[in-house]
Amino acid sequence: MTTAPTGLHETLHTACAIRGLSAAGAQLIHHSSNAVFFLPDQHAVARISTGAANLPRALRTRALTEALVRNGFGATAPLPSAPPVVVDGHDVSFWTYYPQPPGKPAPTSRELGTLLRRLHATPVPDGVQLPRWVPLESLHTALTDSCLDFEHLREDEQQRLLELVEEVRHDMTSIDWPLGAGLLHGDAWAGNLLWRAAAGECVPILGDWDWTSIGPLEVDLIPTWHAAIRYGRDAEWIASFIHEYGYDLRKFPRGYHALRRMRDLVQLGGPLRRAAASPDHAARLRQRVEGILSGDETGSWSQYT
């Protein structure tokens, strides 16, 4: 079982008490950009931001996912009557827990393609105000966070990464995106998919909506190709996604290469925040930083789940 720092447990218990929920027997089930706890007494999940609190974003995420679920889209559902709360400088949100069926393979790029095609055809729900997409917002925040311990990142590397963030941002603003702008998930990779039991069947749903915005729809497509480049997915992984979504990102070479470069940088955020406390994350951070700064665009990277 994953172990959480004592401070996160204290934050969790305080947040649950504020919302009248039980944190008894809470189990940490994921810890990267967020710490995710299973609350067995509530059959729910609590997500604690590991960066600075952003309550407006947490409330916006809740409003969006509530509307999507209400309209029949396959999104993870917030826990009713338990809105987000800020504790100890972190925002804590509460979600429905979806136990995964034993023995059933995890959802794949096929399910992701189907869900994204539906999402990108969905107008922003009434009453939900989403920001414009800002490339690499999370990474830029982490690299400029004076509270983060950068012992696994040299000062010159930190500076060069900030320069790359600005280069990618400039590149993105000069591209005319064929698919246009619309509702973006913001981190649309297959690891954010779950199964939900429905009428005796399992249907795929999409979670982790922290970075929803309005922006170029191609942004949500690149994680599928990146998974093949960096994490060992095969040609069928990409072909299945294209078949379901209906568009091959490689047919737009300029955008494809810019997005690949951006997605490499996106993958630094999680291990950067966790490197000081986790040797595994520190190793992944070093592997990715060295690959990016050396110009290696195709080397395989290790991945955590």
C-alpha atoms as a PDB file:
ATOM      1  CA  MET A   1       0.000   0.000   0.000  1.00  0.00           C
ATOM      2  CA  THR A   2       1.207   3.515  -0.816  1.00  0.00           C
ATOM      3  CA  THR A   3       2.231   5.542   2.236  1.00  0.00           C
ATOM      4  CA  ALA A   4       1.242   9.190   2.610  1.00  0.00           C
ATOM      5  CA  PRO A   5       3.088  11.841   4.592  1.00  0.00           C
ATOM      6  CA  THR A   6       1.590  12.482   8.031  1.00  0.00           C
ATOM      7  CA  GLY A   7       0.567  15.996   7.016  1.00  0.00           C
ATOM      8  CA  LEU A   8      -1.683  14.706   4.250  1.00  0.00           C
ATOM      9  CA  HIS A   9      -3.496  12.410   6.664  1.00  0.00           C
ATOM     10  CA  GLU A  10      -4.099  15.343   8.974  1.00  0.00           C
ATOM     11  CA  THR A  11      -5.409  17.410   6.064  1.00  0.00           C
ATOM     12  CA  LEU A  12      -7.687  14.568   5.028  1.00  0.00           C
ATOM     13  CA  HIS A  13      -9.175  14.083   8.519  1.00  0.00           C
ATOM     14  CA  THR A  14      -9.788  17.818   8.915  1.00  0.00           C
ATOM     15  CA  ALA A  15     -11.452  18.109   5.504  1.00  0.00           C
ATOM     16  CA  CYS A  16     -13.670  15.102   6.158  1.00  0.00           C
ATOM     17  CA  ALA A  17     -14.704  16.490   9.540  1.00  0.00           C
ATOM     18  CA  ILE A  18     -15.680  19.800   7.935  1.00  0.00           C
ATOM     19  CA  ARG A  19     -17.925  17.984   5.455  1.00  0.00           C
ATOM     20  CA  GLY A  20     -19.313  15.509   7.972  1.00  0.00           C
ATOM     21  CA  LEU A  21     -17.593  12.512   6.397  1.00  0.00           C
ATOM     22  CA  SER A  22     -15.722   9.648   8.017  1.00  0.00           C
ATOM     23  CA  ALA A  23     -12.013   9.237   7.281  1.00  0.00           C
ATOM     24  CA  ALA A  24     -11.771   6.008   9.290  1.00  0.00           C
ATOM     25  CA  GLY A  25      -9.644   3.421   7.521  1.00  0.00           C
ATOM     26  CA  ALA A  26      -8.699   5.837   4.719  1.00  0.00           C
ATOM     27  CA  GLN A  27      -6.271   4.317   2.215  1.00  0.00           C
ATOM     28  CA  LEU A  28      -3.934   6.244  -0.076  1.00  0.00           C
ATOM     29  CA  ILE A  29      -4.441   4.779  -3.549  1.00  0.00           C
ATOM     30  CA  HIS A  30      -2.505   7.292  -5.681  1.00  0.00           C
ATOM     31  CA  HIS A  31      -0.017  10.087  -5.050  1.00  0.00           C
ATOM     32  CA  SER A  32       1.451  12.200  -7.834  1.00  0.00           C
ATOM     33  CA  SER A  33       0.044  15.596  -8.818  1.00  0.00           C
ATOM     34  CA  ASN A  34      -2.738  14.847  -6.336  1.00  0.00           C
ATOM     35  CA  ALA A  35      -3.057  12.535  -3.342  1.00  0.00           C
ATOM     36  CA  VAL A  36      -6.096  10.288  -3.725  1.00  0.00           C
ATOM     37  CA  PHE A  37      -7.580   8.497  -0.708  1.00  0.00           C
ATOM     38  CA  PHE A  38     -10.291   5.854  -0.613  1.00  0.00           C
ATOM     39  CA  LEU A  39     -12.806   6.449   2.199  1.00  0.00           C
ATOM     40  CA  PRO A  40     -14.319   3.014   2.893  1.00  0.00           C
ATOM     41  CA  ASP A  41     -17.056   4.196   5.253  1.00  0.00           C
ATOM     42  CA  GLN A  42     -18.310   6.632   2.619  1.00  0.00           C
ATOM     43  CA  HIS A  43     -17.576   4.471  -0.421  1.00  0.00           C
ATOM     44  CA  ALA A  44     -16.010   7.656  -1.777  1.00  0.00           C
ATOM     45  CA  VAL A  45     -12.694   9.175  -2.807  1.00  0.00           C
ATOM     46  CA  ALA A  46     -10.970  12.294  -1.490  1.00  0.00           C
ATOM     47  CA  ARG A  47      -8.476  14.108  -3.721  1.00  0.00           C
ATOM     48  CA  ILE A  48      -5.972  16.470  -2.105  1.00  0.00           C
ATOM     49  CA  SER A  49      -4.059  18.885  -4.285  1.00  0.00           C
ATOM     50  CA  THR A  50      -0.326  18.680  -3.659  1.00  0.00           C
ATOM     51  CA  GLY A  51       0.210  22.174  -5.047  1.00  0.00           C
ATOM     52  CA  ALA A  52      -1.199  25.424  -3.712  1.00  0.00           C
ATOM     53  CA  ALA A  53      -4.936  25.501  -3.096  1.00  0.00           C
ATOM     54  CA  ASN A  54      -7.095  26.667  -5.983  1.00  0.00           C
ATOM     55  CA  LEU A  55     -10.654  26.594  -4.679  1.00  0.00           C
ATOM     56  CA  PRO A  56     -12.187  28.398  -7.691  1.00  0.00           C
ATOM     57  CA  ARG A  57     -10.768  25.709  -9.979  1.00  0.00           C
ATOM     58  CA  ALA A  58     -12.010  22.931  -7.694  1.00  0.00           C
ATOM     59  CA  LEU A  59     -15.516  24.437  -7.625  1.00  0.00           C
ATOM     60  CA  ARG A  60     -15.465  24.897 -11.402  1.00  0.00           C
ATOM     61  CA  THR A  61     -14.420  21.272 -11.871  1.00  0.00           C
ATOM     62  CA  ARG A  62     -17.261  20.132  -9.647  1.00  0.00           C
ATOM     63  CA  ALA A  63     -19.827  22.218 -11.535  1.00  0.00           C
ATOM     64  CA  LEU A  64     -18.602  20.925 -14.905  1.00  0.00           C
ATOM     65  CA  THR A  65     -18.568  17.247 -13.982  1.00  0.00           C
ATOM     66  CA  GLU A  66     -21.973  17.488 -12.308  1.00  0.00           C
ATOM     67  CA  ALA A  67     -23.381  18.946 -15.528  1.00  0.00           C
ATOM     68  CA  LEU A  68     -21.654  16.377 -17.744  1.00  0.00           C
ATOM     69  CA  VAL A  69     -22.939  13.463 -15.660  1.00  0.00           C
ATOM     70  CA  ARG A  70     -26.424  14.974 -15.590  1.00  0.00           C
ATOM     71  CA  ASN A  71     -26.349  15.167 -19.395  1.00  0.00           C
ATOM     72  CA  GLY A  72     -25.282  11.532 -19.748  1.00  0.00           C
ATOM     73  CA  PHE A  73     -21.577  11.937 -20.443  1.00  0.00           C
ATOM     74  CA  GLY A  74     -19.195   9.361 -18.946  1.00  0.00           C
ATOM     75  CA  ALA A  75     -17.442  11.474 -16.321  1.00  0.00           C
ATOM     76  CA  THR A  76     -16.535  10.712 -12.725  1.00  0.00           C
ATOM     77  CA  ALA A  77     -19.183  12.189 -10.427  1.00  0.00           C
ATOM     78  CA  PRO A  78     -18.545  14.461  -7.455  1.00  0.00           C
ATOM     79  CA  LEU A  79     -19.876  13.226  -4.127  1.00  0.00           C
ATOM     80  CA  PRO A  80     -23.282  14.816  -3.529  1.00  0.00           C
ATOM     81  CA  SER A  81     -23.533  17.373  -0.710  1.00  0.00           C
ATOM     82  CA  ALA A  82     -19.744  17.491  -0.197  1.00  0.00           C
ATOM     83  CA  PRO A  83     -18.255  20.459  -2.072  1.00  0.00           C
ATOM     84  CA  PRO A  84     -14.512  21.102  -2.066  1.00  0.00           C
ATOM     85  CA  VAL A  85     -12.858  22.646   0.967  1.00  0.00           C
ATOM     86  CA  VAL A  86      -9.468  24.276   1.579  1.00  0.00           C
ATOM     87  CA  VAL A  87      -7.380  22.862   4.450  1.00  0.00           C
ATOM     88  CA  ASP A  88      -3.721  23.579   5.268  1.00  0.00           C
ATOM     89  CA  GLY A  89      -3.205  25.314   1.932  1.00  0.00           C
ATOM     90  CA  HIS A  90      -4.617  22.418  -0.126  1.00  0.00           C
ATOM     91  CA  ASP A  91      -7.984  22.064  -1.808  1.00  0.00           C
ATOM     92  CA  VAL A  92      -9.737  18.789  -1.020  1.00  0.00           C
ATOM     93  CA  SER A  93     -12.546  17.455  -3.209  1.00  0.00           C
ATOM     94  CA  PHE A  94     -14.776  14.413  -2.760  1.00  0.00           C
ATOM     95  CA  TRP A  95     -15.812  11.979  -5.484  1.00  0.00           C
ATOM     96  CA  THR A  96     -17.808   8.830  -6.090  1.00  0.00           C
ATOM     97  CA  TYR A  97     -15.719   5.676  -5.766  1.00  0.00           C
ATOM     98  CA  TYR A  98     -15.782   3.232  -8.687  1.00  0.00           C
ATOM     99  CA  PRO A  99     -14.497  -0.229  -7.746  1.00  0.00           C
ATOM    100  CA  GLN A 100     -12.871  -1.833 -10.769  1.00  0.00           C
ATOM    101  CA  PRO A 101     -14.141  -5.273 -11.795  1.00  0.00           C
ATOM    102  CA  PRO A 102     -11.606  -7.981 -10.922  1.00  0.00           C
ATOM    103  CA  GLY A 103      -9.984  -9.591 -13.924  1.00  0.00           C
ATOM    104  CA  LYS A 104     -11.299  -7.051 -16.435  1.00  0.00           C
ATOM    105  CA  PRO A 105      -8.572  -5.298 -18.436  1.00  0.00           C
ATOM    106  CA  ALA A 106      -8.280  -1.558 -17.934  1.00  0.00           C
ATOM    107  CA  PRO A 107      -9.921   0.706 -20.527  1.00  0.00           C
ATOM    108  CA  THR A 108      -7.741   1.462 -23.531  1.00  0.00           C
ATOM    109  CA  SER A 109      -7.225   4.055 -26.238  1.00  0.00           C
ATOM    110  CA  ARG A 110     -10.383   2.741 -27.909  1.00  0.00           C
ATOM    111  CA  GLU A 111     -12.574   3.852 -25.021  1.00  0.00           C
ATOM    112  CA  LEU A 112     -10.609   7.093 -24.738  1.00  0.00           C
ATOM    113  CA  GLY A 113     -11.219   7.905 -28.406  1.00  0.00           C
ATOM    114  CA  THR A 114     -14.963   7.333 -28.042  1.00  0.00           C
ATOM    115  CA  LEU A 115     -15.240   9.526 -24.954  1.00  0.00           C
ATOM    116  CA  LEU A 116     -13.147  12.342 -26.407  1.00  0.00           C
ATOM    117  CA  ARG A 117     -15.163  12.385 -29.624  1.00  0.00           C
ATOM    118  CA  ARG A 118     -18.298  12.876 -27.526  1.00  0.00           C
ATOM    119  CA  LEU A 119     -16.672  15.419 -25.223  1.00  0.00           C
ATOM    120  CA  HIS A 120     -15.355  17.535 -28.081  1.00  0.00           C
ATOM    121  CA  ALA A 121     -18.842  17.669 -29.593  1.00  0.00           C
ATOM    122  CA  THR A 122     -20.317  18.833 -26.262  1.00  0.00           C
ATOM    123  CA  PRO A 123     -20.936  22.544 -25.681  1.00  0.00           C
ATOM    124  CA  VAL A 124     -19.821  24.027 -22.375  1.00  0.00           C
ATOM    125  CA  PRO A 125     -22.783  23.500 -20.011  1.00  0.00           C
ATOM    126  CA  ASP A 126     -24.836  26.538 -19.091  1.00  0.00           C
ATOM    127  CA  GLY A 127     -23.582  28.268 -15.985  1.00  0.00           C
ATOM    128  CA  VAL A 128     -20.058  26.824 -16.199  1.00  0.00           C
ATOM    129  CA  GLN A 129     -17.309  29.340 -16.929  1.00  0.00           C
ATOM    130  CA  LEU A 130     -14.096  27.752 -18.191  1.00  0.00           C
ATOM    131  CA  PRO A 131     -10.779  29.585 -18.680  1.00  0.00           C
ATOM    132  CA  ARG A 132      -8.849  29.733 -21.914  1.00  0.00           C
ATOM    133  CA  TRP A 133      -6.198  27.029 -22.196  1.00  0.00           C
ATOM    134  CA  VAL A 134      -2.711  28.096 -21.086  1.00  0.00           C
ATOM    135  CA  PRO A 135       0.034  25.741 -22.339  1.00  0.00           C
ATOM    136  CA  LEU A 136       2.118  24.142 -19.575  1.00  0.00           C
ATOM    137  CA  GLU A 137       0.415  26.103 -16.799  1.00  0.00           C
ATOM    138  CA  SER A 138       0.952  23.387 -14.186  1.00  0.00           C
ATOM    139  CA  LEU A 139       4.638  22.870 -15.009  1.00  0.00           C
ATOM    140  CA  HIS A 140       5.361  26.594 -15.046  1.00  0.00           C
ATOM    141  CA  THR A 141       3.724  26.899 -11.620  1.00  0.00           C
ATOM    142  CA  ALA A 142       5.844  24.037 -10.268  1.00  0.00           C
ATOM    143  CA  LEU A 143       9.113  25.364 -11.710  1.00  0.00           C
ATOM    144  CA  THR A 144       8.525  28.775 -10.137  1.00  0.00           C
ATOM    145  CA  ASP A 145       7.230  27.482  -6.792  1.00  0.00           C
ATOM    146  CA  SER A 146       9.593  28.756  -4.085  1.00  0.00           C
ATOM    147  CA  CYS A 147       8.234  26.126  -1.668  1.00  0.00           C
ATOM    148  CA  LEU A 148       9.343  23.157  -3.797  1.00  0.00           C
ATOM    149  CA  ASP A 149      12.603  21.370  -3.039  1.00  0.00           C
ATOM    150  CA  PHE A 150      14.672  21.315  -6.248  1.00  0.00           C
ATOM    151  CA  GLU A 151      17.478  19.096  -4.955  1.00  0.00           C
ATOM    152  CA  HIS A 152      17.004  16.773  -7.953  1.00  0.00           C
ATOM    153  CA  LEU A 153      17.056  19.598 -10.485  1.00  0.00           C
ATOM    154  CA  ARG A 154      20.076  21.834 -11.072  1.00  0.00           C
ATOM    155  CA  GLU A 155      19.582  25.580 -11.310  1.00  0.00           C
ATOM    156  CA  ASP A 156      20.707  25.661 -14.940  1.00  0.00           C
ATOM    157  CA  GLU A 157      18.277  22.851 -15.769  1.00  0.00           C
ATOM    158  CA  GLN A 158      15.442  24.689 -14.057  1.00  0.00           C
ATOM    159  CA  GLN A 159      16.225  27.812 -16.057  1.00  0.00           C
ATOM    160  CA  ARG A 160      16.454  25.910 -19.351  1.00  0.00           C
ATOM    161  CA  LEU A 161      13.112  24.207 -18.701  1.00  0.00           C
ATOM    162  CA  LEU A 162      11.488  27.587 -18.075  1.00  0.00           C
ATOM    163  CA  GLU A 163      12.919  28.760 -21.392  1.00  0.00           C
ATOM    164  CA  LEU A 164      11.461  25.697 -23.121  1.00  0.00           C
ATOM    165  CA  VAL A 165       8.065  26.417 -21.580  1.00  0.00           C
ATOM    166  CA  GLU A 166       8.149  29.898 -23.111  1.00  0.00           C
ATOM    167  CA  GLU A 167       9.317  28.535 -26.472  1.00  0.00           C
ATOM    168  CA  VAL A 168       6.457  26.032 -26.586  1.00  0.00           C
ATOM    169  CA  ARG A 169       3.922  28.668 -25.558  1.00  0.00           C
ATOM    170  CA  HIS A 170       5.100  30.980 -28.334  1.00  0.00           C
ATOM    171  CA  ASP A 171       4.926  28.135 -30.855  1.00  0.00           C
ATOM    172  CA  MET A 172       1.382  27.199 -29.818  1.00  0.00           C
ATOM    173  CA  THR A 173       0.042  30.717 -30.306  1.00  0.00           C
ATOM    174  CA  SER A 174       1.288  30.818 -33.913  1.00  0.00           C
ATOM    175  CA  ILE A 175      -0.483  27.622 -35.014  1.00  0.00           C
ATOM    176  CA  ASP A 176      -3.865  27.578 -36.795  1.00  0.00           C
ATOM    177  CA  TRP A 177      -5.472  24.427 -35.366  1.00  0.00           C
ATOM    178  CA  PRO A 178      -7.633  22.475 -37.867  1.00  0.00           C
ATOM    179  CA  LEU A 179     -10.069  21.062 -35.294  1.00  0.00           C
ATOM    180  CA  GLY A 180     -10.738  24.456 -33.756  1.00  0.00           C
ATOM    181  CA  ALA A 181     -11.274  25.313 -30.108  1.00  0.00           C
ATOM    182  CA  GLY A 182     -13.698  23.658 -27.719  1.00  0.00           C
ATOM    183  CA  LEU A 183     -14.133  21.934 -24.393  1.00  0.00           C
ATOM    184  CA  LEU A 184     -10.813  20.359 -23.383  1.00  0.00           C
ATOM    185  CA  HIS A 185     -10.252  17.734 -20.725  1.00  0.00           C
ATOM    186  CA  GLY A 186      -6.643  18.837 -20.382  1.00  0.00           C
ATOM    187  CA  ASP A 187      -4.966  15.548 -19.391  1.00  0.00           C
ATOM    188  CA  ALA A 188      -6.685  13.005 -21.603  1.00  0.00           C
ATOM    189  CA  TRP A 189      -4.613   9.841 -21.277  1.00  0.00           C
ATOM    190  CA  ALA A 190      -5.902   6.316 -20.771  1.00  0.00           C
ATOM    191  CA  GLY A 191      -4.684   6.231 -17.167  1.00  0.00           C
ATOM    192  CA  ASN A 192      -7.538   8.603 -16.310  1.00  0.00           C
ATOM    193  CA  LEU A 193     -10.162   6.103 -17.476  1.00  0.00           C
ATOM    194  CA  LEU A 194     -12.210   3.889 -15.154  1.00  0.00           C
ATOM    195  CA  TRP A 195     -15.001   1.346 -15.527  1.00  0.00           C
ATOM    196  CA  ARG A 196     -18.430   2.150 -14.063  1.00  0.00           C
ATOM    197  CA  ALA A 197     -20.977  -0.585 -13.439  1.00  0.00           C
ATOM    198  CA  ALA A 198     -24.245   0.214 -15.250  1.00  0.00           C
ATOM    199  CA  ALA A 199     -27.203  -2.129 -15.834  1.00  0.00           C
ATOM    200  CA  GLY A 200     -25.066  -5.236 -15.513  1.00  0.00           C
ATOM    201  CA  GLU A 201     -22.376  -3.916 -17.839  1.00  0.00           C
ATOM    202  CA  CYS A 202     -19.197  -1.880 -17.468  1.00  0.00           C
ATOM    203  CA  VAL A 203     -19.018   1.454 -19.246  1.00  0.00           C
ATOM    204  CA  PRO A 204     -15.899   3.649 -19.477  1.00  0.00           C
ATOM    205  CA  ILE A 205     -15.768   6.988 -17.708  1.00  0.00           C
ATOM    206  CA  LEU A 206     -13.161   9.735 -17.693  1.00  0.00           C
ATOM    207  CA  GLY A 207     -11.739  11.239 -14.498  1.00  0.00           C
ATOM    208  CA  ASP A 208      -9.207  13.841 -13.323  1.00  0.00           C
ATOM    209  CA  TRP A 209     -10.843  17.015 -14.631  1.00  0.00           C
ATOM    210  CA  ASP A 210      -8.553  19.542 -12.908  1.00  0.00           C
ATOM    211  CA  TRP A 211      -7.279  21.130 -16.128  1.00  0.00           C
ATOM    212  CA  THR A 212     -10.453  21.579 -18.154  1.00  0.00           C
ATOM    213  CA  SER A 213     -10.479  24.697 -20.318  1.00  0.00           C
ATOM    214  CA  ILE A 214     -11.353  26.047 -23.746  1.00  0.00           C
ATOM    215  CA  GLY A 215      -8.610  25.460 -26.270  1.00  0.00           C
ATOM    216  CA  PRO A 216      -7.406  23.571 -29.386  1.00  0.00           C
ATOM    217  CA  LEU A 217      -9.017  20.136 -29.418  1.00  0.00           C
ATOM    218  CA  GLU A 218      -5.767  18.572 -30.644  1.00  0.00           C
ATOM    219  CA  VAL A 219      -4.344  19.083 -27.145  1.00  0.00           C
ATOM    220  CA  ASP A 220      -6.467  16.178 -25.894  1.00  0.00           C
ATOM    221  CA  LEU A 221      -5.225  13.872 -28.664  1.00  0.00           C
ATOM    222  CA  ILE A 222      -1.469  14.000 -28.184  1.00  0.00           C
ATOM    223  CA  PRO A 223      -1.302  11.839 -25.008  1.00  0.00           C
ATOM    224  CA  THR A 224      -2.271   8.775 -27.085  1.00  0.00           C
ATOM    225  CA  TRP A 225       0.645   9.222 -29.501  1.00  0.00           C
ATOM    226  CA  HIS A 226       2.970  10.153 -26.648  1.00  0.00           C
ATOM    227  CA  ALA A 227       2.110   6.862 -24.920  1.00  0.00           C
ATOM    228  CA  ALA A 228       3.414   5.017 -27.965  1.00  0.00           C
ATOM    229  CA  ILE A 229       6.570   7.127 -28.221  1.00  0.00           C
ATOM    230  CA  ARG A 230       7.591   7.147 -24.556  1.00  0.00           C
ATOM    231  CA  TYR A 231       5.702   4.345 -22.808  1.00  0.00           C
ATOM    232  CA  GLY A 232       5.783   1.403 -25.183  1.00  0.00           C
ATOM    233  CA  ARG A 233       2.263   1.351 -26.615  1.00  0.00           C
ATOM    234  CA  ASP A 234       2.050  -0.295 -30.034  1.00  0.00           C
ATOM    235  CA  ALA A 235       0.631   0.747 -33.411  1.00  0.00           C
ATOM    236  CA  GLU A 236      -2.727  -0.829 -32.570  1.00  0.00           C
ATOM    237  CA  TRP A 237      -3.038   1.545 -29.610  1.00  0.00           C
ATOM    238  CA  ILE A 238      -2.939   4.507 -31.980  1.00  0.00           C
ATOM    239  CA  ALA A 239      -5.017   2.851 -34.725  1.00  0.00           C
ATOM    240  CA  SER A 240      -7.834   2.051 -32.267  1.00  0.00           C
ATOM    241  CA  PHE A 241      -7.912   5.633 -31.057  1.00  0.00           C
ATOM    242  CA  ILE A 242      -8.017   7.022 -34.608  1.00  0.00           C
ATOM    243  CA  HIS A 243     -10.825   4.629 -35.520  1.00  0.00           C
ATOM    244  CA  GLU A 244     -12.969   5.792 -32.593  1.00  0.00           C
ATOM    245  CA  TYR A 245     -12.115   9.487 -32.591  1.00  0.00           C
ATOM    246  CA  GLY A 246     -12.056   9.915 -36.371  1.00  0.00           C
ATOM    247  CA  TYR A 247      -8.902  11.984 -36.835  1.00  0.00           C
ATOM    248  CA  ASP A 248      -5.205  11.231 -37.282  1.00  0.00           C
ATOM    249  CA  LEU A 249      -3.141  13.933 -35.577  1.00  0.00           C
ATOM    250  CA  ARG A 250      -0.096  13.058 -37.687  1.00  0.00           C
ATOM    251  CA  LYS A 251      -1.821  14.536 -40.748  1.00  0.00           C
ATOM    252  CA  PHE A 252      -1.042  17.945 -39.262  1.00  0.00           C
ATOM    253  CA  PRO A 253       2.768  17.658 -38.871  1.00  0.00           C
ATOM    254  CA  ARG A 254       3.457  21.104 -37.454  1.00  0.00           C
ATOM    255  CA  GLY A 255       0.878  20.768 -34.706  1.00  0.00           C
ATOM    256  CA  TYR A 256       1.793  17.145 -34.053  1.00  0.00           C
ATOM    257  CA  HIS A 257       5.469  17.911 -33.433  1.00  0.00           C
ATOM    258  CA  ALA A 258       4.695  20.963 -31.294  1.00  0.00           C
ATOM    259  CA  LEU A 259       2.285  18.953 -29.164  1.00  0.00           C
ATOM    260  CA  ARG A 260       4.756  16.078 -28.778  1.00  0.00           C
ATOM    261  CA  ARG A 261       7.306  18.544 -27.461  1.00  0.00           C
ATOM    262  CA  MET A 262       4.733  20.018 -25.096  1.00  0.00           C
ATOM    263  CA  ARG A 263       3.605  16.618 -23.806  1.00  0.00           C
ATOM    264  CA  ASP A 264       7.187  15.699 -22.915  1.00  0.00           C
ATOM    265  CA  LEU A 265       7.316  18.773 -20.693  1.00  0.00           C
ATOM    266  CA  VAL A 266       3.900  18.054 -19.179  1.00  0.00           C
ATOM    267  CA  GLN A 267       5.286  14.761 -17.912  1.00  0.00           C
ATOM    268  CA  LEU A 268       7.744  16.547 -15.619  1.00  0.00           C
ATOM    269  CA  GLY A 269       5.119  18.039 -13.314  1.00  0.00           C
ATOM    270  CA  GLY A 270       4.163  15.006 -11.251  1.00  0.00           C
ATOM    271  CA  PRO A 271       7.677  13.678 -10.543  1.00  0.00           C
ATOM    272  CA  LEU A 272       8.971  17.216  -9.929  1.00  0.00           C
ATOM    273  CA  ARG A 273       6.484  17.735  -7.097  1.00  0.00           C
ATOM    274  CA  ARG A 274       7.208  14.332  -5.559  1.00  0.00           C
ATOM    275  CA  ALA A 275      10.953  13.905  -6.183  1.00  0.00           C
ATOM    276  CA  ALA A 276      12.114  15.158  -2.775  1.00  0.00           C
ATOM    277  CA  ALA A 277      10.007  12.570  -0.919  1.00  0.00           C
ATOM    278  CA  SER A 278      10.120   9.643  -3.361  1.00  0.00           C
ATOM    279  CA  PRO A 279      13.223   7.998  -4.881  1.00  0.00           C
ATOM    280  CA  ASP A 280      11.056   6.503  -7.640  1.00  0.00           C
ATOM    281  CA  HIS A 281       9.755   9.910  -8.645  1.00  0.00           C
ATOM    282  CA  ALA A 282      13.258  11.379  -8.410  1.00  0.00           C
ATOM    283  CA  ALA A 283      14.558   8.717 -10.818  1.00  0.00           C
ATOM    284  CA  ARG A 284      11.736   9.375 -13.265  1.00  0.00           C
ATOM    285  CA  LEU A 285      12.337  13.108 -13.049  1.00  0.00           C
ATOM    286  CA  ARG A 286      16.026  12.679 -13.870  1.00  0.00           C
ATOM    287  CA  GLN A 287      15.282  10.326 -16.768  1.00  0.00           C
ATOM    288  CA  ARG A 288      12.803  12.753 -18.312  1.00  0.00           C
ATOM    289  CA  VAL A 289      14.795  15.929 -17.727  1.00  0.00           C
ATOM    290  CA  GLU A 290      17.948  14.410 -19.198  1.00  0.00           C
ATOM    291  CA  GLY A 291      16.022  13.082 -22.190  1.00  0.00           C
ATOM    292  CA  ILE A 292      14.364  16.412 -22.929  1.00  0.00           C
ATOM    293  CA  LEU A 293      17.479  18.540 -22.459  1.00  0.00           C
ATOM    294  CA  SER A 294      19.623  16.174 -24.554  1.00  0.00           C
ATOM    295  CA  GLY A 295      17.197  16.404 -27.474  1.00  0.00           C
ATOM    296  CA  ASP A 296      16.232  12.718 -27.318  1.00  0.00           C
ATOM    297  CA  GLU A 297      12.669  12.663 -28.726  1.00  0.00           C
ATOM    298  CA  THR A 298      12.060   8.913 -28.907  1.00  0.00           C
ATOM    299  CA  GLY A 299      13.713   7.265 -25.878  1.00  0.00           C
ATOM    300  CA  SER A 300      11.468   5.130 -23.673  1.00  0.00           C
ATOM    301  CA  TRP A 301      10.516   6.416 -20.222  1.00  0.00           C
ATOM    302  CA  SER A 302       9.444   4.498 -17.138  1.00  0.00           C
ATOM    303  CA  GLN A 303       5.928   5.219 -15.946  1.00  0.00           C
ATOM    304  CA  TYR A 304       4.131   4.950 -12.627  1.00  0.00           C
ATOM    305  CA  THR A 305       0.486   4.039 -12.337  1.00  0.00           C
END
